């Protein structure tokens, strides 16, 4: 469960890394950005791989084909990690402002979130 929110993400070198512009363009071609450009496929590459620590794999056909009961359980655990009040210690690596941004992205771009997410 923690992998979806990058709990054990590998550290980047102190100077960051340089991404290949053509790969970045191709990778982001099918992103689901908000009107402000925020997206789960938005790279950081300075301090971590992605700007928002939630997996873009939630948009894949493989994820969409999973049983709804399984997806609901994963969404529940994600909600526990992304809440502002008494968050799970396993997700302390994500600051509150980033958690709020991730919740907004998920609510705006995922059609199969349980009703209690909305």
Protein backbone atom coordinates (compact mmCIF):
# COMPACT_ATOMS: atom_id res chain seq x y z
CA UNK A 1 0.00 0.00 0.00
CA UNK A 2 2.77 2.41 0.89
CA UNK A 3 4.31 2.06 -2.56
CA UNK A 4 1.39 3.96 -4.09
CA UNK A 5 2.37 6.98 -1.97
CA UNK A 6 6.14 6.48 -2.44
CA UNK A 7 6.83 5.75 1.24
CA UNK A 8 10.28 4.24 0.57
CA UNK A 9 11.24 6.32 -2.43
CA UNK A 10 14.93 6.21 -3.32
CA UNK A 11 16.85 9.39 -2.66
CA UNK A 12 18.13 11.36 -5.64
CA UNK A 13 21.69 12.70 -5.74
CA UNK A 14 22.05 16.07 -4.00
CA UNK A 15 22.33 17.85 -7.37
CA UNK A 16 19.18 16.13 -8.67
CA UNK A 17 19.06 14.38 -12.02
CA UNK A 18 18.56 15.56 -15.57
CA UNK A 19 15.66 14.03 -17.41
CA UNK A 20 15.68 13.30 -21.11
CA UNK A 21 13.38 15.92 -22.70
CA UNK A 22 11.98 13.54 -25.31
CA UNK A 23 11.22 10.89 -22.68
CA UNK A 24 9.54 13.46 -20.44
CA UNK A 25 7.40 14.72 -23.32
CA UNK A 26 6.41 11.19 -24.33
CA UNK A 27 5.76 10.11 -20.72
CA UNK A 28 3.55 13.10 -20.01
CA UNK A 29 1.60 12.89 -23.27
CA UNK A 30 -1.34 11.09 -21.64
CA UNK A 31 -1.25 12.84 -18.27
CA UNK A 32 -4.43 14.10 -16.63
CA UNK A 33 -3.49 17.60 -15.50
CA UNK A 34 -5.70 19.98 -13.56
CA UNK A 35 -6.29 23.47 -14.92
CA UNK A 36 -3.24 24.63 -12.91
CA UNK A 37 -1.08 21.94 -14.56
CA UNK A 38 -0.81 19.71 -11.48
CA UNK A 39 -0.54 16.06 -12.42
CA UNK A 40 0.62 12.77 -10.93
CA UNK A 41 2.95 12.50 -13.94
CA UNK A 42 4.69 15.82 -13.18
CA UNK A 43 8.40 15.27 -12.61
CA UNK A 44 10.45 16.97 -9.89
CA UNK A 45 13.93 15.46 -10.51
CA UNK A 46 15.57 17.85 -8.05
CA UNK A 47 14.67 16.29 -4.71
CA UNK A 48 12.55 13.31 -5.78
CA UNK A 49 11.27 11.66 -8.93
CA UNK A 50 7.74 13.13 -9.04
CA UNK A 51 6.38 16.41 -7.71
CA UNK A 52 3.37 14.66 -6.16
CA UNK A 53 4.03 11.39 -4.34
CA UNK A 54 1.10 9.35 -5.56
CA UNK A 55 1.37 6.78 -8.31
CA UNK A 56 0.16 7.62 -11.80
CA UNK A 57 -0.46 3.86 -12.15
CA UNK A 58 -3.94 4.56 -10.73
CA UNK A 59 -4.84 5.66 -14.28
CA UNK A 60 -3.78 2.44 -16.00
CA UNK A 61 -6.07 -0.13 -17.58
CA UNK A 62 -4.63 -2.75 -15.21
CA UNK A 63 -5.77 -0.73 -12.20
CA UNK A 64 -9.18 -0.06 -13.73
CA UNK A 65 -9.76 -3.81 -14.23
CA UNK A 66 -9.16 -4.70 -10.57
CA UNK A 67 -12.18 -5.70 -8.46
CA UNK A 68 -13.91 -2.68 -6.94
CA UNK A 69 -13.55 -4.15 -3.43
CA UNK A 70 -9.77 -4.20 -3.79
CA UNK A 71 -9.62 -0.69 -5.22
CA UNK A 72 -11.85 0.62 -2.43
CA UNK A 73 -9.53 -0.87 0.20
CA UNK A 74 -6.51 0.75 -1.46
CA UNK A 75 -8.32 4.09 -1.67
CA UNK A 76 -9.21 3.78 2.02
CA UNK A 77 -5.58 3.23 3.00
CA UNK A 78 -4.53 6.11 0.77
CA UNK A 79 -7.10 8.36 2.42
CA UNK A 80 -5.67 7.40 5.82
CA UNK A 81 -2.21 8.45 4.68
CA UNK A 82 -3.37 11.67 3.02
CA UNK A 83 -5.57 13.07 5.76
CA UNK A 84 -4.62 16.24 7.62
CA UNK A 85 -5.71 15.16 11.10
CA UNK A 86 -3.90 12.24 12.74
CA UNK A 87 -2.33 10.86 9.57
CA UNK A 88 -0.76 7.44 9.57
CA UNK A 89 2.93 7.72 10.61
CA UNK A 90 3.82 5.61 7.57
CA UNK A 91 3.05 8.67 5.42
CA UNK A 92 4.85 11.33 7.45
CA UNK A 93 7.21 11.79 4.48
CA UNK A 94 4.50 13.78 2.67
CA UNK A 95 4.00 17.34 3.96
CA UNK A 96 0.41 18.55 4.55
CA UNK A 97 0.32 20.89 1.55
CA UNK A 98 1.39 18.09 -0.78
CA UNK A 99 -1.21 15.76 0.76
CA UNK A 100 -3.92 18.33 0.04
CA UNK A 101 -2.67 18.74 -3.53
CA UNK A 102 -2.71 14.96 -4.08
CA UNK A 103 -6.26 14.71 -2.72
CA UNK A 104 -7.38 17.46 -5.12
CA UNK A 105 -5.68 15.74 -8.07
CA UNK A 106 -7.23 12.38 -7.22
CA UNK A 107 -10.72 13.81 -6.67
CA UNK A 108 -10.51 15.71 -9.95
CA UNK A 109 -9.07 13.00 -12.16
CA UNK A 110 -10.23 9.60 -10.90
CA UNK A 111 -13.76 8.56 -11.77
CA UNK A 112 -13.87 5.45 -9.57
CA UNK A 113 -13.15 6.99 -6.17
CA UNK A 114 -15.66 5.86 -3.55
CA UNK A 115 -18.36 8.42 -2.70
CA UNK A 116 -16.81 9.08 0.72
CA UNK A 117 -13.73 10.54 -1.09
CA UNK A 118 -15.81 13.29 -2.68
